[in-house]
Amino acid sequence: MRTRYFIIGLVLLALMLNGCVTRRATDFEFVLYQGADVLGSESIMFSDVLAQGKPVVLAMWASSCPSCRIDMTLLEQASADYGDEVLIVGLHIGHFVNLGTEEGALAFLEDEGITFPNGFTPKVSVVRDYEVLEVPSIYYIKPSGKILSQTYGLVRDDALRDHIDELIAASSG
């Protein structure tokens, strides 16, 4: 019996590695600190963000995480450079991973001049559903909701832009 489950697990792993099994973005409530003018509401479901029809870069971060602070400044520059080609949003999960508070997140966003939409979710299940392995975690999501790729930990600027370019290309047509 164990052998059967082991074989099934190997087959599923092989399918995932070959792209036959796709991960999809799960829906969650997104309560905004900033960016209601871009997303249309101060509280929105993530499915409504995807419904805008743009590729989405979802950055899960924590205000007390040094790597997150670096990534957020890279994402801010990418947001300015890519404009309407892609929608970059930040989801502060510091309160779930003991690495920050709402007050800390708001202070960081203001101090660093981060302007792209950012907020939090009251549902800890997002950390599990997105399989957050560490912060920062960045998910590159097609408008269809398919997660094209993800990065964990500090990302280099050139790697970030390569992922965004790949997401835009995969989302058109």
N, C-alpha and C. Protein backbone atom coordinates (compact mmCIF):
# COMPACT_ATOMS: atom_id res chain seq x y z
N MET A 1 0.82 -1.19 0.00
CA MET A 1 0.00 0.00 0.00
C MET A 1 0.87 1.26 0.00
N ARG A 2 1.93 1.25 0.81
CA ARG A 2 2.82 2.41 0.85
C ARG A 2 3.50 2.64 -0.49
N THR A 3 3.85 1.55 -1.15
CA THR A 3 4.52 1.64 -2.44
C THR A 3 3.61 2.35 -3.45
N ARG A 4 2.32 2.04 -3.42
CA ARG A 4 1.38 2.68 -4.34
C ARG A 4 1.35 4.19 -4.11
N TYR A 5 1.26 4.62 -2.84
CA TYR A 5 1.24 6.04 -2.54
C TYR A 5 2.55 6.72 -2.92
N PHE A 6 3.64 6.01 -2.74
CA PHE A 6 4.94 6.54 -3.12
C PHE A 6 5.01 6.76 -4.63
N ILE A 7 4.52 5.80 -5.39
CA ILE A 7 4.52 5.91 -6.85
C ILE A 7 3.59 7.03 -7.30
N ILE A 8 2.42 7.13 -6.70
CA ILE A 8 1.49 8.21 -7.03
C ILE A 8 2.14 9.56 -6.74
N GLY A 9 2.82 9.66 -5.62
CA GLY A 9 3.52 10.89 -5.27
C GLY A 9 4.59 11.25 -6.28
N LEU A 10 5.35 10.27 -6.72
CA LEU A 10 6.38 10.51 -7.73
C LEU A 10 5.78 10.97 -9.05
N VAL A 11 4.68 10.36 -9.45
CA VAL A 11 4.01 10.75 -10.69
C VAL A 11 3.52 12.20 -10.59
N LEU A 12 2.89 12.54 -9.48
CA LEU A 12 2.42 13.92 -9.29
C LEU A 12 3.58 14.91 -9.29
N LEU A 13 4.66 14.57 -8.64
CA LEU A 13 5.84 15.43 -8.64
C LEU A 13 6.36 15.62 -10.06
N ALA A 14 6.44 14.56 -10.83
CA ALA A 14 6.92 14.65 -12.21
C ALA A 14 5.99 15.52 -13.05
N LEU A 15 4.70 15.38 -12.86
CA LEU A 15 3.75 16.21 -13.60
C LEU A 15 3.91 17.68 -13.23
N MET A 16 4.08 17.96 -11.94
CA MET A 16 4.27 19.34 -11.51
C MET A 16 5.54 19.93 -12.11
N LEU A 17 6.61 19.17 -12.09
CA LEU A 17 7.87 19.67 -12.63
C LEU A 17 7.80 19.88 -14.13
N ASN A 18 6.95 19.14 -14.82
CA ASN A 18 6.78 19.29 -16.26
C ASN A 18 5.69 20.29 -16.61
N GLY A 19 5.08 20.91 -15.61
CA GLY A 19 4.07 21.93 -15.86
C GLY A 19 2.69 21.39 -16.18
N CYS A 20 2.46 20.11 -16.01
CA CYS A 20 1.15 19.54 -16.31
C CYS A 20 0.15 19.80 -15.20
N VAL A 21 0.60 19.95 -13.99
CA VAL A 21 -0.27 20.30 -12.87
C VAL A 21 0.02 21.76 -12.55
N THR A 22 -1.00 22.60 -12.65
CA THR A 22 -0.78 24.02 -12.44
C THR A 22 -1.29 24.45 -11.08
N ARG A 23 -0.57 25.38 -10.50
CA ARG A 23 -1.03 25.99 -9.26
C ARG A 23 -1.82 27.22 -9.63
N ARG A 24 -2.89 27.41 -8.91
CA ARG A 24 -3.73 28.58 -9.16
C ARG A 24 -3.74 29.45 -7.92
N ALA A 25 -3.88 30.73 -8.15
CA ALA A 25 -3.99 31.68 -7.06
C ALA A 25 -5.30 31.44 -6.33
N THR A 26 -5.24 31.33 -5.02
CA THR A 26 -6.47 31.17 -4.25
C THR A 26 -6.99 32.55 -3.88
N ASP A 27 -8.28 32.62 -3.68
CA ASP A 27 -8.93 33.89 -3.38
C ASP A 27 -8.82 34.21 -1.90
N PHE A 28 -8.72 35.47 -1.59
CA PHE A 28 -8.69 35.92 -0.21
C PHE A 28 -9.12 37.38 -0.15
N GLU A 29 -9.53 37.81 1.02
CA GLU A 29 -9.88 39.22 1.23
C GLU A 29 -8.59 40.01 1.34
N PHE A 30 -8.53 41.11 0.62
CA PHE A 30 -7.36 41.97 0.58
C PHE A 30 -7.79 43.34 1.10
N VAL A 31 -7.36 43.70 2.30
CA VAL A 31 -7.70 44.98 2.91
C VAL A 31 -6.51 45.92 2.70
N LEU A 32 -6.77 47.03 2.03
CA LEU A 32 -5.67 47.89 1.58
C LEU A 32 -5.25 48.94 2.61
N TYR A 33 -3.93 49.10 2.71
CA TYR A 33 -3.35 50.24 3.40
C TYR A 33 -3.35 51.43 2.43
N GLN A 34 -3.07 51.11 1.16
CA GLN A 34 -2.98 52.13 0.11
C GLN A 34 -3.27 51.46 -1.23
N GLY A 35 -3.73 52.27 -2.19
CA GLY A 35 -3.95 51.76 -3.53
C GLY A 35 -5.40 51.52 -3.89
N ALA A 36 -6.34 52.00 -3.07
CA ALA A 36 -7.76 51.83 -3.39
C ALA A 36 -8.09 52.51 -4.72
N ASP A 37 -7.38 53.58 -5.05
CA ASP A 37 -7.62 54.26 -6.33
C ASP A 37 -7.24 53.38 -7.51
N VAL A 38 -6.29 52.49 -7.32
CA VAL A 38 -5.84 51.58 -8.38
C VAL A 38 -6.74 50.34 -8.44
N LEU A 39 -7.07 49.79 -7.27
CA LEU A 39 -7.82 48.53 -7.22
C LEU A 39 -9.33 48.70 -7.13
N GLY A 40 -9.78 49.92 -6.81
CA GLY A 40 -11.21 50.19 -6.83
C GLY A 40 -11.94 50.12 -5.52
N SER A 41 -11.28 49.70 -4.45
CA SER A 41 -11.94 49.59 -3.15
C SER A 41 -10.89 49.44 -2.05
N GLU A 42 -11.26 49.78 -0.82
CA GLU A 42 -10.35 49.61 0.29
C GLU A 42 -10.31 48.16 0.79
N SER A 43 -11.32 47.40 0.44
CA SER A 43 -11.37 45.97 0.76
C SER A 43 -11.86 45.27 -0.50
N ILE A 44 -11.06 44.32 -0.98
CA ILE A 44 -11.35 43.70 -2.26
C ILE A 44 -10.94 42.23 -2.20
N MET A 45 -11.62 41.41 -2.93
CA MET A 45 -11.21 40.02 -3.05
C MET A 45 -10.09 39.94 -4.08
N PHE A 46 -9.14 39.05 -3.86
CA PHE A 46 -8.02 38.94 -4.79
C PHE A 46 -8.51 38.55 -6.19
N SER A 47 -9.58 37.79 -6.27
CA SER A 47 -10.14 37.44 -7.58
C SER A 47 -10.57 38.68 -8.35
N ASP A 48 -10.99 39.74 -7.64
CA ASP A 48 -11.35 40.99 -8.30
C ASP A 48 -10.11 41.73 -8.81
N VAL A 49 -9.00 41.55 -8.12
CA VAL A 49 -7.73 42.12 -8.60
C VAL A 49 -7.37 41.44 -9.92
N LEU A 50 -7.46 40.12 -9.97
CA LEU A 50 -7.16 39.37 -11.20
C LEU A 50 -8.14 39.71 -12.31
N ALA A 51 -9.38 40.00 -11.95
CA ALA A 51 -10.42 40.31 -12.94
C ALA A 51 -10.12 41.60 -13.71
N GLN A 52 -9.17 42.38 -13.24
CA GLN A 52 -8.79 43.59 -13.98
C GLN A 52 -8.08 43.24 -15.28
N GLY A 53 -7.71 41.96 -15.44
CA GLY A 53 -7.17 41.50 -16.70
C GLY A 53 -5.69 41.73 -16.92
N LYS A 54 -4.98 42.11 -15.88
CA LYS A 54 -3.54 42.36 -16.00
C LYS A 54 -2.76 41.25 -15.31
N PRO A 55 -1.53 41.00 -15.77
CA PRO A 55 -0.66 40.11 -15.00
C PRO A 55 -0.42 40.74 -13.63
N VAL A 56 -0.32 39.90 -12.60
CA VAL A 56 -0.18 40.40 -11.22
C VAL A 56 1.08 39.83 -10.59
N VAL A 57 1.84 40.73 -9.99
CA VAL A 57 2.98 40.33 -9.16
C VAL A 57 2.52 40.54 -7.72
N LEU A 58 2.37 39.43 -6.99
CA LEU A 58 1.92 39.47 -5.60
C LEU A 58 3.12 39.24 -4.70
N ALA A 59 3.49 40.26 -3.95
CA ALA A 59 4.64 40.18 -3.05
C ALA A 59 4.14 40.05 -1.62
N MET A 60 4.45 38.93 -0.98
CA MET A 60 4.12 38.75 0.43
C MET A 60 5.36 39.10 1.23
N TRP A 61 5.19 40.03 2.16
CA TRP A 61 6.33 40.60 2.87
C TRP A 61 5.98 40.86 4.33
N ALA A 62 7.01 41.21 5.09
CA ALA A 62 6.85 41.53 6.52
C ALA A 62 7.71 42.76 6.82
N SER A 63 7.17 43.65 7.61
CA SER A 63 7.85 44.93 7.85
C SER A 63 9.15 44.82 8.64
N SER A 64 9.32 43.75 9.41
CA SER A 64 10.56 43.57 10.18
C SER A 64 11.55 42.65 9.48
N CYS A 65 11.34 42.38 8.22
CA CYS A 65 12.19 41.48 7.44
C CYS A 65 13.14 42.31 6.59
N PRO A 66 14.45 42.26 6.84
CA PRO A 66 15.41 43.07 6.06
C PRO A 66 15.37 42.77 4.56
N SER A 67 15.25 41.51 4.18
CA SER A 67 15.19 41.18 2.75
C SER A 67 13.93 41.74 2.10
N CYS A 68 12.84 41.75 2.85
CA CYS A 68 11.59 42.29 2.32
C CYS A 68 11.74 43.78 2.02
N ARG A 69 12.42 44.47 2.87
CA ARG A 69 12.61 45.91 2.67
C ARG A 69 13.37 46.18 1.38
N ILE A 70 14.36 45.36 1.08
CA ILE A 70 15.12 45.52 -0.17
C ILE A 70 14.21 45.19 -1.35
N ASP A 71 13.51 44.06 -1.28
CA ASP A 71 12.62 43.67 -2.37
C ASP A 71 11.54 44.71 -2.63
N MET A 72 11.00 45.30 -1.58
CA MET A 72 9.94 46.29 -1.77
C MET A 72 10.43 47.50 -2.54
N THR A 73 11.66 47.93 -2.31
CA THR A 73 12.19 49.07 -3.07
C THR A 73 12.42 48.68 -4.54
N LEU A 74 12.84 47.42 -4.78
CA LEU A 74 12.99 46.94 -6.17
C LEU A 74 11.62 46.87 -6.85
N LEU A 75 10.62 46.41 -6.12
CA LEU A 75 9.27 46.33 -6.67
C LEU A 75 8.69 47.72 -6.95
N GLU A 76 9.02 48.68 -6.11
CA GLU A 76 8.55 50.05 -6.34
C GLU A 76 9.12 50.58 -7.66
N GLN A 77 10.40 50.36 -7.88
CA GLN A 77 11.01 50.81 -9.13
C GLN A 77 10.42 50.07 -10.32
N ALA A 78 10.21 48.76 -10.18
CA ALA A 78 9.60 47.98 -11.26
C ALA A 78 8.18 48.47 -11.55
N SER A 79 7.44 48.80 -10.51
CA SER A 79 6.08 49.31 -10.68
C SER A 79 6.09 50.59 -11.51
N ALA A 80 7.03 51.47 -11.22
CA ALA A 80 7.16 52.71 -11.98
C ALA A 80 7.58 52.43 -13.42
N ASP A 81 8.52 51.52 -13.60
CA ASP A 81 9.06 51.24 -14.94
C ASP A 81 8.08 50.50 -15.84
N TYR A 82 7.33 49.56 -15.29
CA TYR A 82 6.42 48.76 -16.11
C TYR A 82 5.05 49.42 -16.29
N GLY A 83 4.70 50.35 -15.42
CA GLY A 83 3.44 51.07 -15.55
C GLY A 83 2.24 50.14 -15.61
N ASP A 84 1.41 50.32 -16.64
CA ASP A 84 0.16 49.57 -16.78
C ASP A 84 0.33 48.17 -17.35
N GLU A 85 1.55 47.76 -17.68
CA GLU A 85 1.76 46.42 -18.23
C GLU A 85 1.52 45.32 -17.20
N VAL A 86 1.74 45.64 -15.94
CA VAL A 86 1.63 44.65 -14.88
C VAL A 86 1.14 45.36 -13.62
N LEU A 87 0.41 44.63 -12.80
CA LEU A 87 -0.09 45.17 -11.54
C LEU A 87 0.72 44.55 -10.41
N ILE A 88 1.45 45.37 -9.69
CA ILE A 88 2.25 44.90 -8.56
C ILE A 88 1.49 45.25 -7.28
N VAL A 89 1.29 44.24 -6.44
CA VAL A 89 0.60 44.45 -5.17
C VAL A 89 1.39 43.79 -4.05
N GLY A 90 1.38 44.42 -2.91
CA GLY A 90 2.06 43.88 -1.74
C GLY A 90 1.06 43.43 -0.69
N LEU A 91 1.34 42.28 -0.10
CA LEU A 91 0.49 41.74 0.96
C LEU A 91 1.35 41.55 2.20
N HIS A 92 1.15 42.40 3.19
CA HIS A 92 1.90 42.32 4.43
C HIS A 92 1.38 41.15 5.26
N ILE A 93 2.28 40.19 5.55
CA ILE A 93 1.90 39.02 6.36
C ILE A 93 2.72 38.96 7.65
N GLY A 94 3.34 40.06 8.01
CA GLY A 94 4.20 40.11 9.19
C GLY A 94 3.51 39.65 10.46
N HIS A 95 2.24 39.98 10.60
CA HIS A 95 1.48 39.60 11.81
C HIS A 95 1.27 38.08 11.89
N PHE A 96 1.39 37.37 10.77
CA PHE A 96 1.23 35.92 10.79
C PHE A 96 2.55 35.19 11.05
N VAL A 97 3.67 35.83 10.75
CA VAL A 97 4.98 35.17 10.87
C VAL A 97 5.84 35.83 11.94
N ASN A 98 5.22 36.62 12.79
CA ASN A 98 5.90 37.32 13.90
C ASN A 98 7.05 38.19 13.42
N LEU A 99 6.84 38.86 12.28
CA LEU A 99 7.88 39.74 11.73
C LEU A 99 7.31 41.11 11.36
N GLY A 100 6.39 41.59 12.16
CA GLY A 100 5.90 42.93 11.89
C GLY A 100 4.46 43.12 12.28
N THR A 101 4.09 44.39 12.31
CA THR A 101 2.74 44.79 12.69
C THR A 101 2.18 45.71 11.61
N GLU A 102 0.90 45.98 11.70
CA GLU A 102 0.28 46.92 10.78
C GLU A 102 0.94 48.29 10.89
N GLU A 103 1.21 48.72 12.12
CA GLU A 103 1.85 50.02 12.32
C GLU A 103 3.23 50.05 11.67
N GLY A 104 3.98 48.97 11.83
CA GLY A 104 5.30 48.89 11.21
C GLY A 104 5.22 48.91 9.70
N ALA A 105 4.24 48.23 9.15
CA ALA A 105 4.06 48.20 7.69
C ALA A 105 3.72 49.59 7.17
N LEU A 106 2.79 50.27 7.83
CA LEU A 106 2.41 51.61 7.41
C LEU A 106 3.59 52.58 7.48
N ALA A 107 4.36 52.49 8.55
CA ALA A 107 5.53 53.36 8.71
C ALA A 107 6.55 53.08 7.61
N PHE A 108 6.81 51.81 7.30
CA PHE A 108 7.76 51.47 6.25
C PHE A 108 7.30 52.00 4.90
N LEU A 109 6.05 51.77 4.55
CA LEU A 109 5.54 52.24 3.26
C LEU A 109 5.71 53.75 3.11
N GLU A 110 5.42 54.47 4.18
CA GLU A 110 5.55 55.93 4.14
C GLU A 110 7.02 56.35 4.09
N ASP A 111 7.84 55.79 4.97
CA ASP A 111 9.26 56.17 5.05
C ASP A 111 10.01 55.90 3.75
N GLU A 112 9.69 54.79 3.09
CA GLU A 112 10.41 54.40 1.87
C GLU A 112 9.74 54.88 0.59
N GLY A 113 8.60 55.53 0.72
CA GLY A 113 7.92 56.05 -0.47
C GLY A 113 7.37 54.96 -1.38
N ILE A 114 6.92 53.86 -0.80
CA ILE A 114 6.33 52.78 -1.58
C ILE A 114 4.91 53.20 -1.95
N THR A 115 4.60 53.21 -3.25
CA THR A 115 3.32 53.74 -3.70
C THR A 115 2.39 52.70 -4.32
N PHE A 116 2.91 51.52 -4.71
CA PHE A 116 2.02 50.54 -5.33
C PHE A 116 1.06 49.98 -4.28
N PRO A 117 -0.07 49.42 -4.71
CA PRO A 117 -1.07 48.93 -3.75
C PRO A 117 -0.48 47.93 -2.75
N ASN A 118 -0.82 48.14 -1.49
CA ASN A 118 -0.35 47.29 -0.40
C ASN A 118 -1.45 47.16 0.63
N GLY A 119 -1.48 46.01 1.28
CA GLY A 119 -2.46 45.80 2.32
C GLY A 119 -2.16 44.53 3.09
N PHE A 120 -3.20 43.99 3.71
CA PHE A 120 -3.06 42.77 4.50
C PHE A 120 -4.32 41.95 4.31
N THR A 121 -4.30 40.76 4.83
CA THR A 121 -5.49 39.92 4.86
C THR A 121 -5.71 39.45 6.29
N PRO A 122 -6.95 39.35 6.71
CA PRO A 122 -7.20 38.83 8.06
C PRO A 122 -7.13 37.30 8.13
N LYS A 123 -6.95 36.65 7.00
CA LYS A 123 -6.99 35.18 6.94
C LYS A 123 -5.59 34.58 6.89
N VAL A 124 -5.18 33.90 7.95
CA VAL A 124 -3.87 33.25 8.00
C VAL A 124 -3.78 32.12 6.98
N SER A 125 -4.90 31.63 6.50
CA SER A 125 -4.90 30.53 5.54
C SER A 125 -4.15 30.89 4.25
N VAL A 126 -4.01 32.16 3.96
CA VAL A 126 -3.27 32.59 2.77
C VAL A 126 -1.83 32.09 2.82
N VAL A 127 -1.22 32.10 4.00
CA VAL A 127 0.16 31.64 4.15
C VAL A 127 0.26 30.17 3.78
N ARG A 128 -0.71 29.39 4.19
CA ARG A 128 -0.74 27.96 3.85
C ARG A 128 -1.10 27.75 2.39
N ASP A 129 -2.15 28.43 1.93
CA ASP A 129 -2.64 28.22 0.56
C ASP A 129 -1.58 28.56 -0.49
N TYR A 130 -0.79 29.57 -0.23
CA TYR A 130 0.26 29.97 -1.19
C TYR A 130 1.59 29.29 -0.89
N GLU A 131 1.61 28.43 0.11
CA GLU A 131 2.81 27.69 0.47
C GLU A 131 4.00 28.63 0.67
N VAL A 132 3.79 29.65 1.49
CA VAL A 132 4.85 30.62 1.77
C VAL A 132 5.95 29.90 2.55
N LEU A 133 7.11 29.81 1.95
CA LEU A 133 8.23 29.13 2.57
C LEU A 133 9.09 30.10 3.38
N GLU A 134 9.14 31.34 2.96
CA GLU A 134 9.87 32.38 3.68
C GLU A 134 9.40 33.72 3.16
N VAL A 135 9.77 34.76 3.86
CA VAL A 135 9.47 36.11 3.38
C VAL A 135 10.79 36.78 3.00
N PRO A 136 10.75 37.51 1.92
CA PRO A 136 9.62 37.74 1.02
C PRO A 136 9.36 36.54 0.12
N SER A 137 8.12 36.44 -0.31
CA SER A 137 7.71 35.46 -1.31
C SER A 137 6.97 36.24 -2.39
N ILE A 138 7.38 36.06 -3.63
CA ILE A 138 6.77 36.80 -4.73
C ILE A 138 6.18 35.79 -5.71
N TYR A 139 4.92 36.04 -6.08
CA TYR A 139 4.18 35.16 -6.99
C TYR A 139 3.86 35.95 -8.26
N TYR A 140 4.12 35.32 -9.39
CA TYR A 140 3.90 35.93 -10.70
C TYR A 140 2.68 35.24 -11.29
N ILE A 141 1.56 35.97 -11.38
CA ILE A 141 0.26 35.36 -11.64
C ILE A 141 -0.36 35.92 -12.92
N LYS A 142 -0.74 35.00 -13.80
CA LYS A 142 -1.42 35.38 -15.03
C LYS A 142 -2.83 35.85 -14.70
N PRO A 143 -3.45 36.68 -15.57
CA PRO A 143 -4.82 37.14 -15.31
C PRO A 143 -5.81 36.00 -15.12
N SER A 144 -5.51 34.83 -15.67
CA SER A 144 -6.37 33.66 -15.51
C SER A 144 -6.32 33.09 -14.09
N GLY A 145 -5.34 33.53 -13.30
CA GLY A 145 -5.17 33.01 -11.95
C GLY A 145 -4.09 31.95 -11.85
N LYS A 146 -3.51 31.55 -12.97
CA LYS A 146 -2.44 30.56 -12.94
C LYS A 146 -1.16 31.21 -12.40
N ILE A 147 -0.56 30.56 -11.40
CA ILE A 147 0.73 31.04 -10.88
C ILE A 147 1.80 30.53 -11.83
N LEU A 148 2.42 31.46 -12.54
CA LEU A 148 3.43 31.10 -13.53
C LEU A 148 4.73 30.70 -12.85
N SER A 149 5.13 31.46 -11.83
CA SER A 149 6.35 31.15 -11.08
C SER A 149 6.31 31.89 -9.75
N GLN A 150 7.29 31.59 -8.90
CA GLN A 150 7.40 32.28 -7.62
C GLN A 150 8.86 32.32 -7.23
N THR A 151 9.19 33.31 -6.41
CA THR A 151 10.53 33.40 -5.84
C THR A 151 10.39 33.53 -4.34
N TYR A 152 11.36 32.95 -3.63
CA TYR A 152 11.36 33.01 -2.17
C TYR A 152 12.66 33.66 -1.74
N GLY A 153 12.58 34.54 -0.78
CA GLY A 153 13.77 35.21 -0.28
C GLY A 153 14.13 36.39 -1.17
N LEU A 154 15.25 36.97 -0.86
CA LEU A 154 15.74 38.15 -1.58
C LEU A 154 15.90 37.85 -3.05
N VAL A 155 15.37 38.74 -3.89
CA VAL A 155 15.47 38.56 -5.33
C VAL A 155 16.36 39.67 -5.91
N ARG A 156 17.18 39.30 -6.87
CA ARG A 156 18.01 40.30 -7.55
C ARG A 156 17.13 41.08 -8.52
N ASP A 157 17.49 42.33 -8.78
CA ASP A 157 16.71 43.17 -9.67
C ASP A 157 16.58 42.55 -11.06
N ASP A 158 17.66 42.01 -11.61
CA ASP A 158 17.59 41.42 -12.95
C ASP A 158 16.70 40.17 -12.96
N ALA A 159 16.74 39.38 -11.91
CA ALA A 159 15.88 38.19 -11.83
C ALA A 159 14.41 38.61 -11.70
N LEU A 160 14.14 39.63 -10.91
CA LEU A 160 12.78 40.14 -10.77
C LEU A 160 12.23 40.57 -12.13
N ARG A 161 13.03 41.33 -12.84
CA ARG A 161 12.59 41.83 -14.15
C ARG A 161 12.45 40.68 -15.17
N ASP A 162 13.31 39.68 -15.09
CA ASP A 162 13.16 38.51 -15.97
C ASP A 162 11.83 37.81 -15.71
N HIS A 163 11.47 37.65 -14.43
CA HIS A 163 10.19 37.02 -14.08
C HIS A 163 9.02 37.86 -14.56
N ILE A 164 9.11 39.17 -14.40
CA ILE A 164 8.02 40.05 -14.84
C ILE A 164 7.89 40.01 -16.36
N ASP A 165 9.02 40.06 -17.07
CA ASP A 165 8.98 39.99 -18.53
C ASP A 165 8.35 38.68 -18.99
N GLU A 166 8.71 37.58 -18.34
CA GLU A 166 8.15 36.26 -18.67
C GLU A 166 6.65 36.24 -18.41
N LEU A 167 6.23 36.84 -17.30
CA LEU A 167 4.81 36.90 -16.94
C LEU A 167 4.02 37.70 -17.98
N ILE A 168 4.55 38.84 -18.38
CA ILE A 168 3.86 39.68 -19.37
C ILE A 168 3.75 38.93 -20.69
N ALA A 169 4.84 38.30 -21.12
CA ALA A 169 4.83 37.54 -22.38
C ALA A 169 3.82 36.39 -22.32
N ALA A 170 3.79 35.69 -21.19
CA ALA A 170 2.89 34.53 -21.05
C ALA A 170 1.43 34.96 -20.92
N SER A 171 1.19 36.20 -20.55
CA SER A 171 -0.17 36.70 -20.33
C SER A 171 -0.78 37.32 -21.57
N SER A 172 0.02 37.63 -22.55
CA SER A 172 -0.51 38.25 -23.76
C SER A 172 -0.87 37.16 -24.78
N GLY A 173 -1.97 37.39 -25.42
CA GLY A 173 -2.37 36.46 -26.47
C GLY A 173 -3.05 35.27 -26.04
